[in-house]
Amino acid sequence: MQIAEEQGLDLVEIAANAEPPVCRVIDYQKFLYQQRKREKENKAKSSKIDVKEIRFGPQTDDHDYNFKLKHAIKFLTDGDKVKAYVFFRGRSILFKDQGEILLLRFANDLEEYAKVDQLPKLEGKRMTIMLSPKKQK
């Protein structure tokens, strides 16, 4: 403590459980500043992955399908995951095989941009498929 006072710095306990306890003579405010700076840099380096949703109906037309396919390609090239789903309303649940065919066709058309995380699965009135982007070369 005397050494720290002479130098005008702080005595910081590093490892309290060690025998004897380990302490360091440093400027505590500078230490906190550097620690926050390191955390901020690490946070900036980590990438945040968004999940974009694309909704289809069981009888989606070709033009609408192609339009949504272009959007999905853009999302995947930006590095986002895509969750495509077919929403069944009323009696349209009878066409769940058409919905599955539509989602498998969608996954097949996006084969060069994405890999399938989850095959088509019916959850209530929705049939969903998850696609994640392939690594760009």
Foldseek 3Di string as FASTA:
>chain_A
DVVLVVVVFDWAFDAVPDVVTDIDTHHVVVVVVVVVVVVVVVVVPDDDAAEAEAEDELPRDPVVLVVVLVVCLVNLVVFHKYKYKYFYDDPSVVSVVSRLVSVVVSCVVCVVFWDWPAHFDDDPRMTITITGGDDDD
